[in-house]
Amino acid sequence: MKFLSITIALLIVALFVFVLFFFSTFKTEILAFVETHGYTAILISSFIMDTVVQPFAPDVVLIGGIVSGLNVYLVLLAVIAASLIASIIGYTLGYIYGEVGIENIYGKTKYEKWKNKFAKYGKVTLLAAALTPVPYVPFCWVSGIFRMKKVNFAIYALLARTIRFMAGAYLTLLVLGRI
């Protein structure tokens, strides 16, 4: 199990480095995908961006959809829906599989220490991750791993994420002069 956990962690790091290396190409391709396939692309891209650790946030797709002239409310709905589904999946995966993986790699003592820290500061860090451009995906996993109450997860992550995307849509419209 320890080998599998380390292998998965290394694959995630490798994917992150790969995307960073080809950042501008990925950004161009994502925006072209949105222009070509509209709301479906927004939904798929936003889901992937909030499921896999990589340097893009769904804000790129949100802005791309609005700039390309799609209905702002439908773009916002697609981004929020995809992000919420991805967040819940990340939480659930952490809840089901993460505890064993962390204990196997770092041991029971460190796991308990980190769990206590998360119990004390987890809500604040999750809120910060949901509202800022820091990588958000790991915080969903960690929330599940350390058994954050689902109600708290909904408030501190899902509600905050919705507010973030609504603010992003508003600022995009403001910059474009549509408000």
Protein backbone atom coordinates (compact mmCIF):
# COMPACT_ATOMS: atom_id res chain seq x y z
CA MET A 1 0.00 0.00 0.00
CA LYS A 2 2.88 2.36 0.81
CA PHE A 3 4.38 1.79 -2.66
CA LEU A 4 1.03 2.56 -4.32
CA SER A 5 0.61 5.76 -2.28
CA ILE A 6 4.10 6.97 -3.18
CA THR A 7 3.58 6.08 -6.85
CA ILE A 8 0.31 8.04 -7.00
CA ALA A 9 1.93 11.03 -5.28
CA LEU A 10 4.82 10.98 -7.76
CA LEU A 11 2.41 10.77 -10.72
CA ILE A 12 0.51 13.81 -9.42
CA VAL A 13 3.76 15.77 -9.05
CA ALA A 14 4.88 14.73 -12.54
CA LEU A 15 1.56 15.83 -14.04
CA PHE A 16 1.80 19.17 -12.24
CA VAL A 17 5.36 19.76 -13.53
CA PHE A 18 4.33 18.75 -17.06
CA VAL A 19 1.44 21.22 -17.07
CA LEU A 20 3.69 23.96 -15.67
CA PHE A 21 6.25 23.31 -18.39
CA PHE A 22 3.61 23.67 -21.13
CA PHE A 23 1.53 26.32 -19.31
CA SER A 24 0.98 28.73 -22.21
CA THR A 25 0.07 25.92 -24.61
CA PHE A 26 -2.46 24.50 -22.17
CA LYS A 27 -4.00 27.92 -21.57
CA THR A 28 -4.38 28.55 -25.31
CA GLU A 29 -5.88 25.10 -25.88
CA ILE A 30 -8.34 25.45 -23.00
CA LEU A 31 -9.61 28.79 -24.27
CA ALA A 32 -9.90 27.42 -27.83
CA PHE A 33 -11.82 24.43 -26.45
CA VAL A 34 -14.26 26.81 -24.71
CA GLU A 35 -14.77 28.91 -27.86
CA THR A 36 -15.38 25.80 -29.98
CA HIS A 37 -17.54 23.71 -27.65
CA GLY A 38 -19.20 26.33 -25.42
CA TYR A 39 -20.93 25.28 -22.22
CA THR A 40 -19.93 21.63 -22.50
CA ALA A 41 -16.27 22.64 -22.61
CA ILE A 42 -16.78 24.94 -19.64
CA LEU A 43 -18.34 22.15 -17.61
CA ILE A 44 -15.70 19.55 -18.54
CA SER A 45 -12.72 21.90 -18.19
CA SER A 46 -13.89 23.29 -14.85
CA PHE A 47 -14.44 19.79 -13.51
CA ILE A 48 -10.97 18.66 -14.56
CA MET A 49 -9.35 21.83 -13.19
CA ASP A 50 -10.93 21.26 -9.78
CA THR A 51 -10.24 17.52 -9.74
CA VAL A 52 -6.58 17.32 -10.79
CA VAL A 53 -3.79 19.26 -9.11
CA GLN A 54 -2.46 21.64 -11.77
CA PRO A 55 -1.81 25.39 -11.99
CA PHE A 56 -5.08 26.38 -13.70
CA ALA A 57 -8.22 27.31 -11.83
CA PRO A 58 -11.72 27.27 -13.34
CA ASP A 59 -11.50 31.07 -13.43
CA VAL A 60 -9.66 30.72 -16.76
CA VAL A 61 -12.67 28.95 -18.25
CA LEU A 62 -15.11 31.35 -16.59
CA ILE A 63 -13.37 34.36 -18.07
CA GLY A 64 -12.95 32.65 -21.45
CA GLY A 65 -16.65 31.83 -21.65
CA ILE A 66 -17.72 35.35 -20.75
CA VAL A 67 -15.21 36.99 -23.11
CA SER A 68 -16.34 34.74 -25.97
CA GLY A 69 -19.89 36.08 -25.58
CA LEU A 70 -21.63 33.14 -23.93
CA ASN A 71 -24.46 33.80 -21.50
CA VAL A 72 -22.79 34.83 -18.24
CA TYR A 73 -25.38 33.09 -16.06
CA LEU A 74 -25.03 29.77 -17.88
CA VAL A 75 -21.23 30.04 -17.81
CA LEU A 76 -21.37 30.75 -14.09
CA LEU A 77 -23.79 27.87 -13.51
CA ALA A 78 -21.57 25.43 -15.44
CA VAL A 79 -18.39 26.49 -13.59
CA ILE A 80 -20.05 26.38 -10.17
CA ALA A 81 -21.73 23.01 -10.83
CA ALA A 82 -18.50 21.42 -12.09
CA SER A 83 -16.48 22.84 -9.21
CA LEU A 84 -19.00 21.66 -6.63
CA ILE A 85 -19.08 18.14 -8.08
CA ALA A 86 -15.27 18.01 -8.22
CA SER A 87 -15.02 19.33 -4.64
CA ILE A 88 -17.39 16.68 -3.34
CA ILE A 89 -15.53 13.95 -5.22
CA GLY A 90 -12.18 15.18 -3.83
CA TYR A 91 -13.59 15.25 -0.30
CA THR A 92 -15.08 11.77 -0.73
CA LEU A 93 -11.86 10.29 -2.12
CA GLY A 94 -9.91 11.77 0.77
CA TYR A 95 -12.50 10.45 3.22
CA ILE A 96 -12.48 6.93 1.82
CA TYR A 97 -8.84 6.40 0.83
CA GLY A 98 -6.69 9.17 2.24
CA GLU A 99 -6.39 8.25 5.90
CA VAL A 100 -4.77 4.90 5.14
CA GLY A 101 -2.41 6.48 2.60
CA ILE A 102 -1.22 9.21 4.96
CA GLU A 103 -0.80 6.81 7.86
CA ASN A 104 1.17 4.39 5.68
CA ILE A 105 3.52 7.06 4.41
CA TYR A 106 3.97 9.24 7.52
CA GLY A 107 2.89 7.05 10.43
CA LYS A 108 0.12 7.24 13.00
CA THR A 109 1.87 9.87 15.18
CA LYS A 110 2.26 12.44 12.39
CA TYR A 111 -1.22 11.67 11.12
CA GLU A 112 -2.73 12.41 14.55
CA LYS A 113 -0.66 15.60 14.89
CA TRP A 114 -1.78 16.88 11.48
CA LYS A 115 -5.37 15.86 12.18
CA ASN A 116 -5.37 17.94 15.38
CA LYS A 117 -3.89 20.94 13.54
CA PHE A 118 -6.51 20.58 10.82
CA ALA A 119 -9.25 20.42 13.44
CA LYS A 120 -7.97 23.74 14.80
CA TYR A 121 -7.12 25.62 11.55
CA GLY A 122 -8.81 23.59 8.80
CA LYS A 123 -11.83 25.81 8.33
CA VAL A 124 -9.70 28.92 7.85
CA THR A 125 -7.27 27.25 5.45
CA LEU A 126 -10.10 25.69 3.44
CA LEU A 127 -11.85 29.05 3.22
CA ALA A 128 -8.62 30.72 2.06
CA ALA A 129 -8.03 28.01 -0.56
CA ALA A 130 -11.59 28.30 -1.87
CA LEU A 131 -11.37 32.09 -2.21
CA THR A 132 -7.80 32.54 -3.48
CA PRO A 133 -5.80 31.22 -6.44
CA VAL A 134 -3.79 28.71 -4.37
CA PRO A 135 -4.26 25.09 -5.51
CA TYR A 136 -7.66 24.15 -4.12
CA VAL A 137 -7.85 20.42 -4.92
CA PRO A 138 -5.54 19.21 -2.11
CA PHE A 139 -7.65 21.05 0.46
CA CYS A 140 -10.72 19.06 -0.59
CA TRP A 141 -8.78 15.82 -0.18
CA VAL A 142 -7.38 16.88 3.19
CA SER A 143 -10.86 17.89 4.39
CA GLY A 144 -12.03 14.36 3.68
CA ILE A 145 -8.89 12.71 5.05
CA PHE A 146 -9.21 14.53 8.37
CA ARG A 147 -12.97 13.99 8.49
CA MET A 148 -14.17 17.59 8.38
CA LYS A 149 -17.90 17.64 9.01
CA LYS A 150 -19.80 17.72 5.73
CA VAL A 151 -21.77 20.78 6.83
CA ASN A 152 -18.54 22.67 7.53
CA PHE A 153 -17.12 21.54 4.20
CA ALA A 154 -20.22 22.84 2.43
CA ILE A 155 -20.00 26.20 4.18
CA TYR A 156 -16.26 26.81 4.04
CA ALA A 157 -15.51 25.35 0.61
CA LEU A 158 -18.58 25.10 -1.56
CA LEU A 159 -20.23 28.36 -0.54
CA ALA A 160 -16.91 30.22 -0.66
CA ARG A 161 -16.14 28.77 -4.10
CA THR A 162 -19.51 29.96 -5.40
CA ILE A 163 -18.85 33.47 -4.06
CA ARG A 164 -15.41 33.46 -5.69
CA PHE A 165 -16.80 32.57 -9.12
CA MET A 166 -19.61 35.10 -8.85
CA ALA A 167 -17.04 37.79 -8.00
CA GLY A 168 -14.88 36.67 -10.94
CA ALA A 169 -17.82 36.90 -13.33
CA TYR A 170 -18.72 40.35 -12.01
CA LEU A 171 -15.13 41.63 -12.37
CA THR A 172 -14.89 40.19 -15.90
CA LEU A 173 -18.09 41.94 -16.92
CA LEU A 174 -16.86 45.15 -15.29
CA VAL A 175 -13.55 45.03 -17.18
CA LEU A 176 -15.38 44.32 -20.45
CA GLY A 177 -17.65 47.30 -19.85
CA ARG A 178 -20.83 45.21 -19.79
CA ILE A 179 -21.87 46.60 -16.40
